[in-house]
Amino acid sequence: MKKCNDIPADVTVCIATYNAQDFIARTLDSLLSQTHIRFKCVIADDVSTDKTISICSKYEKVDPRISLYSHKKRLGWVGNVNRSLSYVSDTKFMMIFPHDDVIE
C-alpha cells in the first residue's frame, strides 16, 4: 500500500486517535469532503481497544492521502500527537485535527 508521503500535498493533517469508533468516520468524512484536495492525512492510533483501527483502515484502503500508524504501546495524548507530527514530511503547512471534530 502506498503511504501518503508519496502523494504531493500542501498540507498534512495529523489525527491522533484513541478509542474513537463513535466519531472517527464522521471526522474523516468531513475532512475528505473539503474542496482543497492536496492534503495528506496522518492517523496515529494510541493502541485503541475498540474498532477505531478497523474503521481507519477502511479509509486508508480507499484513499491514498490517508496513512494509518498504530503504536505498540500507549503514548498518551501528548505522546501520540508528537508521534503523529513525526510522520509529517514535505508539506509547507500542517494541522492537528482532533479525532472527534468536523470541518464544515
C-alpha atoms as a PDB file:
ATOM      1  CA  MET A   1       0.000   0.000   0.000  1.00  0.00           C
ATOM      2  CA  LYS A   2       1.259   3.421  -0.930  1.00  0.00           C
ATOM      3  CA  LYS A   3       1.719   5.635   2.134  1.00  0.00           C
ATOM      4  CA  CYS A   4       0.570   9.233   1.858  1.00  0.00           C
ATOM      5  CA  ASN A   5       4.172  10.504   1.990  1.00  0.00           C
ATOM      6  CA  ASP A   6       4.301   9.547  -1.699  1.00  0.00           C
ATOM      7  CA  ILE A   7       1.375  11.869  -2.542  1.00  0.00           C
ATOM      8  CA  PRO A   8       2.075  15.529  -3.480  1.00  0.00           C
ATOM      9  CA  ALA A   9       0.374  17.773  -0.929  1.00  0.00           C
ATOM     10  CA  ASP A  10       0.328  21.292   0.503  1.00  0.00           C
ATOM     11  CA  VAL A  11      -0.984  20.384   3.961  1.00  0.00           C
ATOM     12  CA  THR A  12      -0.590  17.450   6.339  1.00  0.00           C
ATOM     13  CA  VAL A  13      -3.499  16.838   8.707  1.00  0.00           C
ATOM     14  CA  CYS A  14      -2.496  14.916  11.838  1.00  0.00           C
ATOM     15  CA  ILE A  15      -5.156  12.994  13.724  1.00  0.00           C
ATOM     16  CA  ALA A  16      -4.167  11.331  16.991  1.00  0.00           C
ATOM     17  CA  THR A  17      -6.782   8.685  17.783  1.00  0.00           C
ATOM     18  CA  TYR A  18      -7.694   6.654  20.832  1.00  0.00           C
ATOM     19  CA  ASN A  19     -10.955   4.719  21.146  1.00  0.00           C
ATOM     20  CA  ALA A  20     -12.658   6.975  18.613  1.00  0.00           C
ATOM     21  CA  GLN A  21     -15.005   4.446  16.982  1.00  0.00           C
ATOM     22  CA  ASP A  22     -18.088   6.531  17.738  1.00  0.00           C
ATOM     23  CA  PHE A  23     -16.968   9.575  15.751  1.00  0.00           C
ATOM     24  CA  ILE A  24     -13.847   8.928  13.628  1.00  0.00           C
ATOM     25  CA  ALA A  25     -15.840   8.131  10.464  1.00  0.00           C
ATOM     26  CA  ARG A  26     -17.679  11.458  10.737  1.00  0.00           C
ATOM     27  CA  THR A  27     -14.364  13.232  11.327  1.00  0.00           C
ATOM     28  CA  LEU A  28     -12.708  11.613   8.290  1.00  0.00           C
ATOM     29  CA  ASP A  29     -15.772  12.164   6.085  1.00  0.00           C
ATOM     30  CA  SER A  30     -15.714  15.873   6.931  1.00  0.00           C
ATOM     31  CA  LEU A  31     -12.023  16.078   6.082  1.00  0.00           C
ATOM     32  CA  LEU A  32     -12.398  14.206   2.805  1.00  0.00           C
ATOM     33  CA  SER A  33     -15.309  16.404   1.703  1.00  0.00           C
ATOM     34  CA  GLN A  34     -13.199  19.576   1.649  1.00  0.00           C
ATOM     35  CA  THR A  35     -12.700  21.428  -1.624  1.00  0.00           C
ATOM     36  CA  HIS A  36      -8.934  21.599  -1.117  1.00  0.00           C
ATOM     37  CA  ILE A  37      -7.775  18.112  -2.100  1.00  0.00           C
ATOM     38  CA  ARG A  38      -3.971  18.465  -1.965  1.00  0.00           C
ATOM     39  CA  PHE A  39      -3.556  17.233   1.590  1.00  0.00           C
ATOM     40  CA  LYS A  40      -2.262  14.209   3.416  1.00  0.00           C
ATOM     41  CA  CYS A  41      -3.889  12.761   6.499  1.00  0.00           C
ATOM     42  CA  VAL A  42      -1.725  11.003   9.063  1.00  0.00           C
ATOM     43  CA  ILE A  43      -3.640   8.984  11.640  1.00  0.00           C
ATOM     44  CA  ALA A  44      -1.630   7.886  14.678  1.00  0.00           C
ATOM     45  CA  ASP A  45      -3.532   5.425  16.835  1.00  0.00           C
ATOM     46  CA  ASP A  46      -2.638   5.079  20.508  1.00  0.00           C
ATOM     47  CA  VAL A  47      -3.490   1.370  20.941  1.00  0.00           C
ATOM     48  CA  SER A  48      -7.258   1.722  20.722  1.00  0.00           C
ATOM     49  CA  THR A  49      -9.231  -1.145  22.221  1.00  0.00           C
ATOM     50  CA  ASP A  50     -12.361  -0.532  20.150  1.00  0.00           C
ATOM     51  CA  LYS A  51     -12.935  -0.570  16.367  1.00  0.00           C
ATOM     52  CA  THR A  52     -11.016   2.651  15.629  1.00  0.00           C
ATOM     53  CA  ILE A  53      -8.212   0.844  13.780  1.00  0.00           C
ATOM     54  CA  SER A  54     -10.551  -1.146  11.549  1.00  0.00           C
ATOM     55  CA  ILE A  55     -12.585   1.952  10.689  1.00  0.00           C
ATOM     56  CA  CYS A  56      -9.472   3.974   9.852  1.00  0.00           C
ATOM     57  CA  SER A  57      -8.025   1.048   7.863  1.00  0.00           C
ATOM     58  CA  LYS A  58     -11.058   1.107   5.579  1.00  0.00           C
ATOM     59  CA  TYR A  59     -10.443   4.787   4.821  1.00  0.00           C
ATOM     60  CA  GLU A  60      -6.735   4.168   4.249  1.00  0.00           C
ATOM     61  CA  LYS A  61      -7.529   1.421   1.730  1.00  0.00           C
ATOM     62  CA  VAL A  62      -9.741   3.645  -0.433  1.00  0.00           C
ATOM     63  CA  ASP A  63      -7.921   6.984  -0.222  1.00  0.00           C
ATOM     64  CA  PRO A  64      -4.146   7.193  -0.839  1.00  0.00           C
ATOM     65  CA  ARG A  65      -3.975  10.511   1.034  1.00  0.00           C
ATOM     66  CA  ILE A  66      -4.557   8.674   4.311  1.00  0.00           C
ATOM     67  CA  SER A  67      -1.888   6.776   6.243  1.00  0.00           C
ATOM     68  CA  LEU A  68      -2.606   4.918   9.462  1.00  0.00           C
ATOM     69  CA  TYR A  69       0.101   4.200  12.018  1.00  0.00           C
ATOM     70  CA  SER A  70      -0.538   2.038  15.094  1.00  0.00           C
ATOM     71  CA  HIS A  71       1.680   2.098  18.144  1.00  0.00           C
ATOM     72  CA  LYS A  72       2.854  -0.947  20.065  1.00  0.00           C
ATOM     73  CA  LYS A  73       2.308   0.716  23.470  1.00  0.00           C
ATOM     74  CA  ARG A  74       0.231   3.617  24.767  1.00  0.00           C
ATOM     75  CA  LEU A  75       1.899   7.002  24.488  1.00  0.00           C
ATOM     76  CA  GLY A  76      -0.866   9.159  25.972  1.00  0.00           C
ATOM     77  CA  TRP A  77      -2.379  12.143  24.178  1.00  0.00           C
ATOM     78  CA  VAL A  78       0.735  14.328  24.068  1.00  0.00           C
ATOM     79  CA  GLY A  79       2.986  11.444  23.062  1.00  0.00           C
ATOM     80  CA  ASN A  80       0.537  10.349  20.380  1.00  0.00           C
ATOM     81  CA  VAL A  81       0.238  13.869  18.948  1.00  0.00           C
ATOM     82  CA  ASN A  82       4.027  14.188  18.927  1.00  0.00           C
ATOM     83  CA  ARG A  83       4.306  10.836  17.168  1.00  0.00           C
ATOM     84  CA  SER A  84       1.781  11.961  14.536  1.00  0.00           C
ATOM     85  CA  LEU A  85       3.896  15.065  13.947  1.00  0.00           C
ATOM     86  CA  SER A  86       6.941  12.873  13.360  1.00  0.00           C
ATOM     87  CA  TYR A  87       5.212  11.493  10.248  1.00  0.00           C
ATOM     88  CA  VAL A  88       4.866  14.955   8.680  1.00  0.00           C
ATOM     89  CA  SER A  89       7.189  15.483   5.753  1.00  0.00           C
ATOM     90  CA  ASP A  90       7.493  17.717   2.730  1.00  0.00           C
ATOM     91  CA  THR A  91       4.410  19.884   3.254  1.00  0.00           C
ATOM     92  CA  LYS A  92       4.517  23.594   3.923  1.00  0.00           C
ATOM     93  CA  PHE A  93       1.596  23.507   6.342  1.00  0.00           C
ATOM     94  CA  MET A  94       0.301  21.080   8.936  1.00  0.00           C
ATOM     95  CA  MET A  95      -2.519  20.975  11.419  1.00  0.00           C
ATOM     96  CA  ILE A  96      -3.521  18.874  14.388  1.00  0.00           C
ATOM     97  CA  PHE A  97      -7.110  17.768  13.934  1.00  0.00           C
ATOM     98  CA  PRO A  98      -8.908  16.239  16.940  1.00  0.00           C
ATOM     99  CA  HIS A  99     -10.372  12.792  16.304  1.00  0.00           C
ATOM    100  CA  ASP A 100     -13.862  13.941  17.295  1.00  0.00           C
ATOM    101  CA  ASP A 101     -14.131  17.222  15.354  1.00  0.00           C
ATOM    102  CA  VAL A 102     -15.631  18.004  11.971  1.00  0.00           C
ATOM    103  CA  ILE A 103     -14.717  20.599   9.387  1.00  0.00           C
ATOM    104  CA  GLU A 104     -17.742  22.323   7.889  1.00  0.00           C
END
